[in-house]
Amino acid sequence: MGAGHSHTAARPTGTSAGRHKSRLATALGLTVAFMLVEVVGGLWTGSLALLADAAHMLTDAGGLALALIAIRFSERPATPQKTYGYVRMEVLSALANAVILLLLTIYIFYEAYERFVDPPQILGGPMLIVAVIGLTVNLISMKLLSAGSSESLNVKGAYFEVLGDMLGSLGVIVAAGVVMLTGWSLADPIIGAAIGLFILPRTWVLLKQAVHILMEGTPPEIDMSLLEVKLMGIPGVEAVHDLHVWTITSGLDAMSCHLVVTDMAEARSILSSARSAMEESFGLSHVTIQVEDKVMREAEGEMKI
């Protein structure tokens, strides 16, 4: 059986995200530092809303860290033992982050229930001060990431994480204001539970995406039926089999398949057409394609029978 292989790597260097990694690192430092302040402030004031917002900031820190991990590991070369390099570390970090956040969300809901049953005393003034500082930190981080968010999906994801936490900080400010003006301490667990509900779907999506990638599932933006039709439409292609598309890490998809052709003399042009079709129509540049001769394949099939 005659065969031809086409393989093009898709591990860019000097990416758009890479140009903004110092800003990502600064935003991560600010987020982690203030997350610790919120934990201390939440324990001091008795505010569940502050503790819930600290958990929300952990999602931001996770998003920012994942963005930096993706940049850092994508810059490391592949080795004979790790032929894809270390790009899957991003996915493993995302999985760990999602599991931790699910556990934290369950704890937030439990605490909210306990506080509904037995409302604790809340220090509204210090709670408000901490929340205002948190809002300021979020606004600074958003400013740092705003330019890169228009250039890189990686940075845009981190930007939206910080934007979401900014809304959480506003919620804590509202809760603190209600406690200070009315003394209604139930506003704190209500806002805390609301922040937990805000975290939950995002965490679940992150968990599903990480598991889907680790299971080498088809990228959601790829229509496998359409992709197969595209390959079958190439002149000289009789059949497509062993077709796989999977994600190595976010932003790096790969495809492999076997093409059965009528004339092996056309193998080179068919490979070129298939590569172009995959890149232009589906954004797939990391492809491995094997060409098989129709006559030889049929002969092998008869021998097996």
C-alpha atoms as a PDB file:
ATOM      1  CA  MET A   1       0.000   0.000   0.000  1.00  0.00           C
ATOM      2  CA  GLY A   2       1.437   3.352  -1.007  1.00  0.00           C
ATOM      3  CA  ALA A   3       1.250   6.107   1.532  1.00  0.00           C
ATOM      4  CA  GLY A   4       2.064   9.754   1.882  1.00  0.00           C
ATOM      5  CA  HIS A   5       2.116  11.828   5.034  1.00  0.00           C
ATOM      6  CA  SER A   6       1.513  15.498   5.584  1.00  0.00           C
ATOM      7  CA  HIS A   7       2.254  17.106   8.927  1.00  0.00           C
ATOM      8  CA  THR A   8       2.397  20.758   9.846  1.00  0.00           C
ATOM      9  CA  ALA A   9       3.044  21.977  13.381  1.00  0.00           C
ATOM     10  CA  ALA A  10       0.976  24.705  14.947  1.00  0.00           C
ATOM     11  CA  ARG A  11       2.931  25.859  17.941  1.00  0.00           C
ATOM     12  CA  PRO A  12       3.504  29.553  17.382  1.00  0.00           C
ATOM     13  CA  THR A  13       6.148  31.545  19.109  1.00  0.00           C
ATOM     14  CA  GLY A  14       5.919  35.195  20.047  1.00  0.00           C
ATOM     15  CA  THR A  15       2.127  35.055  20.377  1.00  0.00           C
ATOM     16  CA  SER A  16      -0.157  38.002  21.087  1.00  0.00           C
ATOM     17  CA  ALA A  17      -0.727  36.702  24.603  1.00  0.00           C
ATOM     18  CA  GLY A  18       3.039  36.439  25.116  1.00  0.00           C
ATOM     19  CA  ARG A  19       3.424  40.177  24.517  1.00  0.00           C
ATOM     20  CA  HIS A  20       1.129  40.855  27.475  1.00  0.00           C
ATOM     21  CA  LYS A  21       2.442  38.308  29.971  1.00  0.00           C
ATOM     22  CA  SER A  22       3.981  40.980  32.232  1.00  0.00           C
ATOM     23  CA  ARG A  23       0.562  42.655  32.532  1.00  0.00           C
ATOM     24  CA  LEU A  24      -1.031  39.271  33.203  1.00  0.00           C
ATOM     25  CA  ALA A  25       1.546  38.619  35.930  1.00  0.00           C
ATOM     26  CA  THR A  26       0.876  42.022  37.532  1.00  0.00           C
ATOM     27  CA  ALA A  27      -2.883  41.431  37.470  1.00  0.00           C
ATOM     28  CA  LEU A  28      -2.354  37.968  38.999  1.00  0.00           C
ATOM     29  CA  GLY A  29      -0.214  39.431  41.803  1.00  0.00           C
ATOM     30  CA  LEU A  30      -2.859  42.064  42.606  1.00  0.00           C
ATOM     31  CA  THR A  31      -5.653  39.487  42.537  1.00  0.00           C
ATOM     32  CA  VAL A  32      -3.900  36.982  44.812  1.00  0.00           C
ATOM     33  CA  ALA A  33      -2.828  39.704  47.261  1.00  0.00           C
ATOM     34  CA  PHE A  34      -6.326  41.105  47.587  1.00  0.00           C
ATOM     35  CA  MET A  35      -7.891  37.636  47.722  1.00  0.00           C
ATOM     36  CA  LEU A  36      -5.907  37.064  50.917  1.00  0.00           C
ATOM     37  CA  VAL A  37      -7.056  40.469  52.230  1.00  0.00           C
ATOM     38  CA  GLU A  38     -10.669  39.460  51.556  1.00  0.00           C
ATOM     39  CA  VAL A  39     -10.247  36.160  53.396  1.00  0.00           C
ATOM     40  CA  VAL A  40      -8.863  37.995  56.437  1.00  0.00           C
ATOM     41  CA  GLY A  41     -11.528  40.695  56.118  1.00  0.00           C
ATOM     42  CA  GLY A  42     -14.307  38.124  55.789  1.00  0.00           C
ATOM     43  CA  LEU A  43     -13.178  36.263  58.903  1.00  0.00           C
ATOM     44  CA  TRP A  44     -12.769  39.541  60.826  1.00  0.00           C
ATOM     45  CA  THR A  45     -16.104  41.089  59.860  1.00  0.00           C
ATOM     46  CA  GLY A  46     -18.071  37.823  59.782  1.00  0.00           C
ATOM     47  CA  SER A  47     -19.099  38.509  56.185  1.00  0.00           C
ATOM     48  CA  LEU A  48     -19.936  35.515  54.016  1.00  0.00           C
ATOM     49  CA  ALA A  49     -20.225  37.853  51.016  1.00  0.00           C
ATOM     50  CA  LEU A  50     -16.548  38.794  51.410  1.00  0.00           C
ATOM     51  CA  LEU A  51     -15.525  35.144  51.749  1.00  0.00           C
ATOM     52  CA  ALA A  52     -17.614  34.242  48.695  1.00  0.00           C
ATOM     53  CA  ASP A  53     -16.036  37.080  46.737  1.00  0.00           C
ATOM     54  CA  ALA A  54     -12.616  35.787  47.821  1.00  0.00           C
ATOM     55  CA  ALA A  55     -13.598  32.426  46.300  1.00  0.00           C
ATOM     56  CA  HIS A  56     -14.678  34.304  43.177  1.00  0.00           C
ATOM     57  CA  MET A  57     -11.300  36.026  43.096  1.00  0.00           C
ATOM     58  CA  LEU A  58      -9.762  32.561  43.252  1.00  0.00           C
ATOM     59  CA  THR A  59     -11.475  31.845  39.915  1.00  0.00           C
ATOM     60  CA  ASP A  60      -9.879  35.021  38.562  1.00  0.00           C
ATOM     61  CA  ALA A  61      -6.484  34.008  39.918  1.00  0.00           C
ATOM     62  CA  GLY A  62      -6.966  30.582  38.326  1.00  0.00           C
ATOM     63  CA  GLY A  63      -7.873  32.146  34.975  1.00  0.00           C
ATOM     64  CA  LEU A  64      -4.903  34.492  35.057  1.00  0.00           C
ATOM     65  CA  ALA A  65      -2.569  31.706  36.150  1.00  0.00           C
ATOM     66  CA  LEU A  66      -3.829  29.454  33.352  1.00  0.00           C
ATOM     67  CA  ALA A  67      -3.202  32.213  30.832  1.00  0.00           C
ATOM     68  CA  LEU A  68       0.375  32.559  32.085  1.00  0.00           C
ATOM     69  CA  ILE A  69       0.859  28.778  32.185  1.00  0.00           C
ATOM     70  CA  ALA A  70      -0.326  28.530  28.588  1.00  0.00           C
ATOM     71  CA  ILE A  71       2.201  31.179  27.540  1.00  0.00           C
ATOM     72  CA  ARG A  72       5.055  29.771  29.624  1.00  0.00           C
ATOM     73  CA  PHE A  73       4.676  26.151  28.578  1.00  0.00           C
ATOM     74  CA  SER A  74       3.982  26.939  24.928  1.00  0.00           C
ATOM     75  CA  GLU A  75       7.463  28.509  24.860  1.00  0.00           C
ATOM     76  CA  ARG A  76       9.149  25.304  26.030  1.00  0.00           C
ATOM     77  CA  PRO A  77      10.400  22.964  23.308  1.00  0.00           C
ATOM     78  CA  ALA A  78       9.126  19.432  22.836  1.00  0.00           C
ATOM     79  CA  THR A  79      11.310  16.542  23.953  1.00  0.00           C
ATOM     80  CA  PRO A  80      11.616  12.910  22.809  1.00  0.00           C
ATOM     81  CA  GLN A  81       9.689  11.916  25.958  1.00  0.00           C
ATOM     82  CA  LYS A  82       7.055  14.674  25.606  1.00  0.00           C
ATOM     83  CA  THR A  83       6.570  15.184  21.887  1.00  0.00           C
ATOM     84  CA  TYR A  84       3.885  17.846  22.417  1.00  0.00           C
ATOM     85  CA  GLY A  85       5.956  19.614  25.043  1.00  0.00           C
ATOM     86  CA  TYR A  86       4.129  20.673  28.206  1.00  0.00           C
ATOM     87  CA  VAL A  87       1.072  22.376  26.727  1.00  0.00           C
ATOM     88  CA  ARG A  88      -1.341  19.945  28.461  1.00  0.00           C
ATOM     89  CA  MET A  89      -0.325  21.416  31.849  1.00  0.00           C
ATOM     90  CA  GLU A  90      -2.840  24.186  31.165  1.00  0.00           C
ATOM     91  CA  VAL A  91      -5.657  21.634  30.969  1.00  0.00           C
ATOM     92  CA  LEU A  92      -4.560  19.813  34.124  1.00  0.00           C
ATOM     93  CA  SER A  93      -4.430  23.136  35.997  1.00  0.00           C
ATOM     94  CA  ALA A  94      -7.914  24.002  34.745  1.00  0.00           C
ATOM     95  CA  LEU A  95      -9.243  20.652  35.988  1.00  0.00           C
ATOM     96  CA  ALA A  96      -7.715  21.132  39.444  1.00  0.00           C
ATOM     97  CA  ASN A  97      -9.016  24.694  39.586  1.00  0.00           C
ATOM     98  CA  ALA A  98     -12.563  23.587  38.714  1.00  0.00           C
ATOM     99  CA  VAL A  99     -12.646  20.817  41.347  1.00  0.00           C
ATOM    100  CA  ILE A 100     -11.425  23.172  44.079  1.00  0.00           C
ATOM    101  CA  LEU A 101     -13.969  25.815  43.112  1.00  0.00           C
ATOM    102  CA  LEU A 102     -16.837  23.317  43.159  1.00  0.00           C
ATOM    103  CA  LEU A 103     -15.880  22.358  46.707  1.00  0.00           C
ATOM    104  CA  LEU A 104     -15.642  26.022  47.715  1.00  0.00           C
ATOM    105  CA  THR A 105     -19.064  26.742  46.221  1.00  0.00           C
ATOM    106  CA  ILE A 106     -20.612  23.874  48.203  1.00  0.00           C
ATOM    107  CA  TYR A 107     -19.037  25.345  51.351  1.00  0.00           C
ATOM    108  CA  ILE A 108     -20.421  28.814  50.537  1.00  0.00           C
ATOM    109  CA  PHE A 109     -23.956  27.402  50.159  1.00  0.00           C
ATOM    110  CA  TYR A 110     -23.591  25.521  53.461  1.00  0.00           C
ATOM    111  CA  GLU A 111     -22.430  28.671  55.244  1.00  0.00           C
ATOM    112  CA  ALA A 112     -25.285  30.681  53.716  1.00  0.00           C
ATOM    113  CA  TYR A 113     -27.782  28.142  55.076  1.00  0.00           C
ATOM    114  CA  GLU A 114     -26.193  28.258  58.534  1.00  0.00           C
ATOM    115  CA  ARG A 115     -26.359  32.048  58.569  1.00  0.00           C
ATOM    116  CA  PHE A 116     -30.004  32.054  57.547  1.00  0.00           C
ATOM    117  CA  VAL A 117     -30.749  29.798  60.519  1.00  0.00           C
ATOM    118  CA  ASP A 118     -28.566  31.784  62.933  1.00  0.00           C
ATOM    119  CA  PRO A 119     -27.605  35.221  61.496  1.00  0.00           C
ATOM    120  CA  PRO A 120     -24.249  36.385  62.888  1.00  0.00           C
ATOM    121  CA  GLN A 121     -23.276  39.952  63.716  1.00  0.00           C
ATOM    122  CA  ILE A 122     -21.759  41.687  60.672  1.00  0.00           C
ATOM    123  CA  LEU A 123     -19.270  44.599  60.841  1.00  0.00           C
ATOM    124  CA  GLY A 124     -20.654  46.652  57.947  1.00  0.00           C
ATOM    125  CA  GLY A 125     -18.055  49.452  58.004  1.00  0.00           C
ATOM    126  CA  PRO A 126     -14.891  47.328  57.651  1.00  0.00           C
ATOM    127  CA  MET A 127     -16.753  45.101  55.187  1.00  0.00           C
ATOM    128  CA  LEU A 128     -17.486  48.131  53.010  1.00  0.00           C
ATOM    129  CA  ILE A 129     -13.878  49.337  53.137  1.00  0.00           C
ATOM    130  CA  VAL A 130     -12.514  45.953  52.059  1.00  0.00           C
ATOM    131  CA  ALA A 131     -15.084  45.717  49.246  1.00  0.00           C
ATOM    132  CA  VAL A 132     -14.222  49.197  47.915  1.00  0.00           C
ATOM    133  CA  ILE A 133     -10.514  48.313  47.885  1.00  0.00           C
ATOM    134  CA  GLY A 134     -11.424  45.111  46.012  1.00  0.00           C
ATOM    135  CA  LEU A 135     -13.365  47.080  43.420  1.00  0.00           C
ATOM    136  CA  THR A 136     -10.334  49.339  42.935  1.00  0.00           C
ATOM    137  CA  VAL A 137      -8.019  46.340  42.456  1.00  0.00           C
ATOM    138  CA  ASN A 138     -10.403  44.876  39.874  1.00  0.00           C
ATOM    139  CA  LEU A 139     -10.565  48.150  37.949  1.00  0.00           C
ATOM    140  CA  ILE A 140      -6.745  48.362  37.884  1.00  0.00           C
ATOM    141  CA  SER A 141      -6.508  44.761  36.623  1.00  0.00           C
ATOM    142  CA  MET A 142      -9.105  45.460  33.931  1.00  0.00           C
ATOM    143  CA  LYS A 143      -7.080  48.470  32.789  1.00  0.00           C
ATOM    144  CA  LEU A 144      -3.920  46.329  32.588  1.00  0.00           C
ATOM    145  CA  LEU A 145      -5.643  43.682  30.472  1.00  0.00           C
ATOM    146  CA  SER A 146      -7.874  45.837  28.276  1.00  0.00           C
ATOM    147  CA  ALA A 147      -5.337  46.311  25.451  1.00  0.00           C
ATOM    148  CA  GLY A 148      -4.393  42.628  25.247  1.00  0.00           C
ATOM    149  CA  SER A 149      -8.027  41.479  25.332  1.00  0.00           C
ATOM    150  CA  SER A 150      -8.531  42.763  21.793  1.00  0.00           C
ATOM    151  CA  GLU A 151      -5.483  40.846  20.503  1.00  0.00           C
ATOM    152  CA  SER A 152      -5.584  37.492  22.286  1.00  0.00           C
ATOM    153  CA  LEU A 153      -8.401  35.116  23.242  1.00  0.00           C
ATOM    154  CA  ASN A 154      -6.214  33.953  26.118  1.00  0.00           C
ATOM    155  CA  VAL A 155      -5.989  37.475  27.552  1.00  0.00           C
ATOM    156  CA  LYS A 156      -9.656  38.151  26.745  1.00  0.00           C
ATOM    157  CA  GLY A 157     -10.660  35.182  28.900  1.00  0.00           C
ATOM    158  CA  ALA A 158      -8.622  36.569  31.810  1.00  0.00           C
ATOM    159  CA  TYR A 159     -10.153  40.021  31.239  1.00  0.00           C
ATOM    160  CA  PHE A 160     -13.683  38.624  31.519  1.00  0.00           C
ATOM    161  CA  GLU A 161     -12.704  36.784  34.720  1.00  0.00           C
ATOM    162  CA  VAL A 162     -11.696  40.106  36.294  1.00  0.00           C
ATOM    163  CA  LEU A 163     -14.819  41.804  34.928  1.00  0.00           C
ATOM    164  CA  GLY A 164     -16.954  39.149  36.622  1.00  0.00           C
ATOM    165  CA  ASP A 165     -15.175  39.691  39.926  1.00  0.00           C
ATOM    166  CA  MET A 166     -15.725  43.432  39.641  1.00  0.00           C
ATOM    167  CA  LEU A 167     -19.466  42.690  39.625  1.00  0.00           C
ATOM    168  CA  GLY A 168     -18.953  40.515  42.710  1.00  0.00           C
ATOM    169  CA  SER A 169     -17.237  43.395  44.502  1.00  0.00           C
ATOM    170  CA  LEU A 170     -20.200  45.624  43.675  1.00  0.00           C
ATOM    171  CA  GLY A 171     -22.476  43.016  45.233  1.00  0.00           C
ATOM    172  CA  VAL A 172     -20.445  43.035  48.453  1.00  0.00           C
ATOM    173  CA  ILE A 173     -20.612  46.839  48.544  1.00  0.00           C
ATOM    174  CA  VAL A 174     -24.406  46.636  48.240  1.00  0.00           C
ATOM    175  CA  ALA A 175     -24.569  44.068  51.070  1.00  0.00           C
ATOM    176  CA  ALA A 176     -22.338  46.197  53.289  1.00  0.00           C
ATOM    177  CA  GLY A 177     -24.480  49.263  52.592  1.00  0.00           C
ATOM    178  CA  VAL A 178     -27.681  47.398  53.508  1.00  0.00           C
ATOM    179  CA  VAL A 179     -26.125  46.093  56.740  1.00  0.00           C
ATOM    180  CA  MET A 180     -24.871  49.565  57.715  1.00  0.00           C
ATOM    181  CA  LEU A 181     -28.116  51.425  56.873  1.00  0.00           C
ATOM    182  CA  THR A 182     -30.730  48.915  58.038  1.00  0.00           C
ATOM    183  CA  GLY A 183     -28.903  46.415  60.242  1.00  0.00           C
ATOM    184  CA  TRP A 184     -30.463  43.600  58.162  1.00  0.00           C
ATOM    185  CA  SER A 185     -27.647  41.057  58.411  1.00  0.00           C
ATOM    186  CA  LEU A 186     -29.394  38.536  56.146  1.00  0.00           C
ATOM    187  CA  ALA A 187     -28.324  40.693  53.202  1.00  0.00           C
ATOM    188  CA  ASP A 188     -24.817  39.256  53.648  1.00  0.00           C
ATOM    189  CA  PRO A 189     -25.643  35.532  53.206  1.00  0.00           C
ATOM    190  CA  ILE A 190     -28.052  36.384  50.385  1.00  0.00           C
ATOM    191  CA  ILE A 191     -25.319  38.208  48.460  1.00  0.00           C
ATOM    192  CA  GLY A 192     -22.841  35.466  49.396  1.00  0.00           C
ATOM    193  CA  ALA A 193     -25.117  32.757  48.001  1.00  0.00           C
ATOM    194  CA  ALA A 194     -25.725  34.874  44.878  1.00  0.00           C
ATOM    195  CA  ILE A 195     -21.967  35.098  44.275  1.00  0.00           C
ATOM    196  CA  GLY A 196     -21.762  31.316  44.750  1.00  0.00           C
ATOM    197  CA  LEU A 197     -24.481  30.866  42.134  1.00  0.00           C
ATOM    198  CA  PHE A 198     -22.510  33.137  39.811  1.00  0.00           C
ATOM    199  CA  ILE A 199     -19.373  31.023  40.271  1.00  0.00           C
ATOM    200  CA  LEU A 200     -21.103  27.654  39.844  1.00  0.00           C
ATOM    201  CA  PRO A 201     -22.003  27.648  36.107  1.00  0.00           C
ATOM    202  CA  ARG A 202     -18.629  29.089  35.077  1.00  0.00           C
ATOM    203  CA  THR A 203     -16.858  26.449  37.166  1.00  0.00           C
ATOM    204  CA  TRP A 204     -19.004  23.678  35.677  1.00  0.00           C
ATOM    205  CA  VAL A 205     -18.210  24.875  32.145  1.00  0.00           C
ATOM    206  CA  LEU A 206     -14.491  24.954  32.983  1.00  0.00           C
ATOM    207  CA  LEU A 207     -14.687  21.409  34.389  1.00  0.00           C
ATOM    208  CA  LYS A 208     -16.512  20.074  31.314  1.00  0.00           C
ATOM    209  CA  GLN A 209     -14.052  21.750  28.937  1.00  0.00           C
ATOM    210  CA  ALA A 210     -11.036  20.334  30.777  1.00  0.00           C
ATOM    211  CA  VAL A 211     -12.481  16.791  30.884  1.00  0.00           C
ATOM    212  CA  HIS A 212     -13.536  17.017  27.227  1.00  0.00           C
ATOM    213  CA  ILE A 213      -9.986  17.934  26.187  1.00  0.00           C
ATOM    214  CA  LEU A 214      -8.430  15.194  28.338  1.00  0.00           C
ATOM    215  CA  MET A 215     -10.847  12.700  26.755  1.00  0.00           C
ATOM    216  CA  GLU A 216      -9.631  13.980  23.352  1.00  0.00           C
ATOM    217  CA  GLY A 217     -13.131  14.999  22.370  1.00  0.00           C
ATOM    218  CA  THR A 218     -13.860  16.884  19.171  1.00  0.00           C
ATOM    219  CA  PRO A 219     -13.465  20.675  19.544  1.00  0.00           C
ATOM    220  CA  PRO A 220     -16.958  22.215  19.819  1.00  0.00           C
ATOM    221  CA  GLU A 221     -16.363  24.545  16.875  1.00  0.00           C
ATOM    222  CA  ILE A 222     -15.548  21.665  14.502  1.00  0.00           C
ATOM    223  CA  ASP A 223     -18.398  20.074  12.527  1.00  0.00           C
ATOM    224  CA  MET A 224     -17.102  16.582  11.757  1.00  0.00           C
ATOM    225  CA  SER A 225     -19.759  15.884   9.110  1.00  0.00           C
ATOM    226  CA  LEU A 226     -18.901  19.084   7.259  1.00  0.00           C
ATOM    227  CA  LEU A 227     -15.185  18.358   7.583  1.00  0.00           C
ATOM    228  CA  GLU A 228     -15.617  14.901   6.054  1.00  0.00           C
ATOM    229  CA  VAL A 229     -17.716  16.328   3.214  1.00  0.00           C
ATOM    230  CA  LYS A 230     -14.933  18.858   2.575  1.00  0.00           C
ATOM    231  CA  LEU A 231     -12.345  16.092   2.293  1.00  0.00           C
ATOM    232  CA  MET A 232     -14.596  13.961   0.088  1.00  0.00           C
ATOM    233  CA  GLY A 233     -15.029  16.927  -2.237  1.00  0.00           C
ATOM    234  CA  ILE A 234     -11.333  16.961  -3.119  1.00  0.00           C
ATOM    235  CA  PRO A 235     -10.868  15.553  -6.652  1.00  0.00           C
ATOM    236  CA  GLY A 236      -9.388  12.058  -6.558  1.00  0.00           C
ATOM    237  CA  VAL A 237     -10.546  11.213  -3.004  1.00  0.00           C
ATOM    238  CA  GLU A 238     -12.723   8.079  -2.900  1.00  0.00           C
ATOM    239  CA  ALA A 239     -13.133   7.607   0.853  1.00  0.00           C
ATOM    240  CA  VAL A 240     -12.154   9.023   4.245  1.00  0.00           C
ATOM    241  CA  HIS A 241     -11.594   6.851   7.313  1.00  0.00           C
ATOM    242  CA  ASP A 242      -9.898   6.981  10.723  1.00  0.00           C
ATOM    243  CA  LEU A 243     -10.842  10.656  10.906  1.00  0.00           C
ATOM    244  CA  HIS A 244     -10.038  12.289  14.250  1.00  0.00           C
ATOM    245  CA  VAL A 245      -9.964  15.891  15.457  1.00  0.00           C
ATOM    246  CA  TRP A 246      -8.960  16.673  19.033  1.00  0.00           C
ATOM    247  CA  THR A 247      -7.612  19.469  21.202  1.00  0.00           C
ATOM    248  CA  ILE A 248      -4.080  19.233  22.535  1.00  0.00           C
ATOM    249  CA  THR A 249      -4.559  22.372  24.633  1.00  0.00           C
ATOM    250  CA  SER A 250      -6.714  25.455  24.245  1.00  0.00           C
ATOM    251  CA  GLY A 251      -5.919  27.146  20.948  1.00  0.00           C
ATOM    252  CA  LEU A 252      -4.085  24.095  19.563  1.00  0.00           C
ATOM    253  CA  ASP A 253      -6.253  21.576  17.704  1.00  0.00           C
ATOM    254  CA  ALA A 254      -4.995  18.601  15.700  1.00  0.00           C
ATOM    255  CA  MET A 255      -6.443  16.372  12.981  1.00  0.00           C
ATOM    256  CA  SER A 256      -5.496  13.020  11.484  1.00  0.00           C
ATOM    257  CA  CYS A 257      -7.124  10.842   8.827  1.00  0.00           C
ATOM    258  CA  HIS A 258      -6.610   8.375   5.981  1.00  0.00           C
ATOM    259  CA  LEU A 259      -7.627   9.340   2.448  1.00  0.00           C
ATOM    260  CA  VAL A 260      -8.312   6.615  -0.097  1.00  0.00           C
ATOM    261  CA  VAL A 261      -7.458   7.867  -3.605  1.00  0.00           C
ATOM    262  CA  THR A 262      -7.892   6.483  -7.107  1.00  0.00           C
ATOM    263  CA  ASP A 263      -4.488   7.557  -8.458  1.00  0.00           C
ATOM    264  CA  MET A 264      -1.391   7.617  -6.265  1.00  0.00           C
ATOM    265  CA  ALA A 265       0.305   9.832  -8.864  1.00  0.00           C
ATOM    266  CA  GLU A 266      -1.991  12.620  -7.600  1.00  0.00           C
ATOM    267  CA  ALA A 267      -1.095  12.044  -3.948  1.00  0.00           C
ATOM    268  CA  ARG A 268       1.016  15.213  -3.606  1.00  0.00           C
ATOM    269  CA  SER A 269      -1.644  17.536  -5.011  1.00  0.00           C
ATOM    270  CA  ILE A 270      -4.374  15.816  -2.941  1.00  0.00           C
ATOM    271  CA  LEU A 271      -2.323  16.289   0.227  1.00  0.00           C
ATOM    272  CA  SER A 272      -1.823  19.958  -0.622  1.00  0.00           C
ATOM    273  CA  SER A 273      -5.549  20.445  -1.272  1.00  0.00           C
ATOM    274  CA  ALA A 274      -6.480  18.665   1.965  1.00  0.00           C
ATOM    275  CA  ARG A 275      -4.072  20.797   4.015  1.00  0.00           C
ATOM    276  CA  SER A 276      -5.418  23.995   2.476  1.00  0.00           C
ATOM    277  CA  ALA A 277      -9.033  22.924   3.046  1.00  0.00           C
ATOM    278  CA  MET A 278      -8.398  22.113   6.709  1.00  0.00           C
ATOM    279  CA  GLU A 279      -6.629  25.387   7.425  1.00  0.00           C
ATOM    280  CA  GLU A 280      -8.895  27.685   5.439  1.00  0.00           C
ATOM    281  CA  SER A 281     -12.244  26.162   6.410  1.00  0.00           C
ATOM    282  CA  PHE A 282     -11.573  24.894   9.943  1.00  0.00           C
ATOM    283  CA  GLY A 283      -8.421  26.658  11.158  1.00  0.00           C
ATOM    284  CA  LEU A 284      -6.598  23.314  11.454  1.00  0.00           C
ATOM    285  CA  SER A 285      -2.913  23.612  10.629  1.00  0.00           C
ATOM    286  CA  HIS A 286      -1.630  20.756  12.813  1.00  0.00           C
ATOM    287  CA  VAL A 287      -2.654  17.849  10.565  1.00  0.00           C
ATOM    288  CA  THR A 288      -1.440  14.350   9.745  1.00  0.00           C
ATOM    289  CA  ILE A 289      -2.889  12.778   6.590  1.00  0.00           C
ATOM    290  CA  GLN A 290      -2.090   9.360   5.171  1.00  0.00           C
ATOM    291  CA  VAL A 291      -2.918   8.614   1.536  1.00  0.00           C
ATOM    292  CA  GLU A 292      -3.912   5.068   0.556  1.00  0.00           C
ATOM    293  CA  ASP A 293      -4.269   3.568  -2.900  1.00  0.00           C
ATOM    294  CA  LYS A 294      -7.835   2.386  -3.607  1.00  0.00           C
ATOM    295  CA  VAL A 295      -6.752  -0.691  -5.570  1.00  0.00           C
ATOM    296  CA  MET A 296      -4.273  -1.816  -2.907  1.00  0.00           C
ATOM    297  CA  ARG A 297      -6.817  -1.241  -0.125  1.00  0.00           C
ATOM    298  CA  GLU A 298      -9.451  -3.321  -1.939  1.00  0.00           C
ATOM    299  CA  ALA A 299      -6.914  -6.072  -2.571  1.00  0.00           C
ATOM    300  CA  GLU A 300      -5.998  -6.172   1.124  1.00  0.00           C
ATOM    301  CA  GLY A 301      -9.697  -6.323   1.995  1.00  0.00           C
ATOM    302  CA  GLU A 302     -10.201  -9.350  -0.262  1.00  0.00           C
ATOM    303  CA  MET A 303      -7.202 -11.099   1.256  1.00  0.00           C
ATOM    304  CA  LYS A 304      -8.660 -10.665   4.757  1.00  0.00           C
ATOM    305  CA  ILE A 305     -11.937 -12.208   3.616  1.00  0.00           C
END
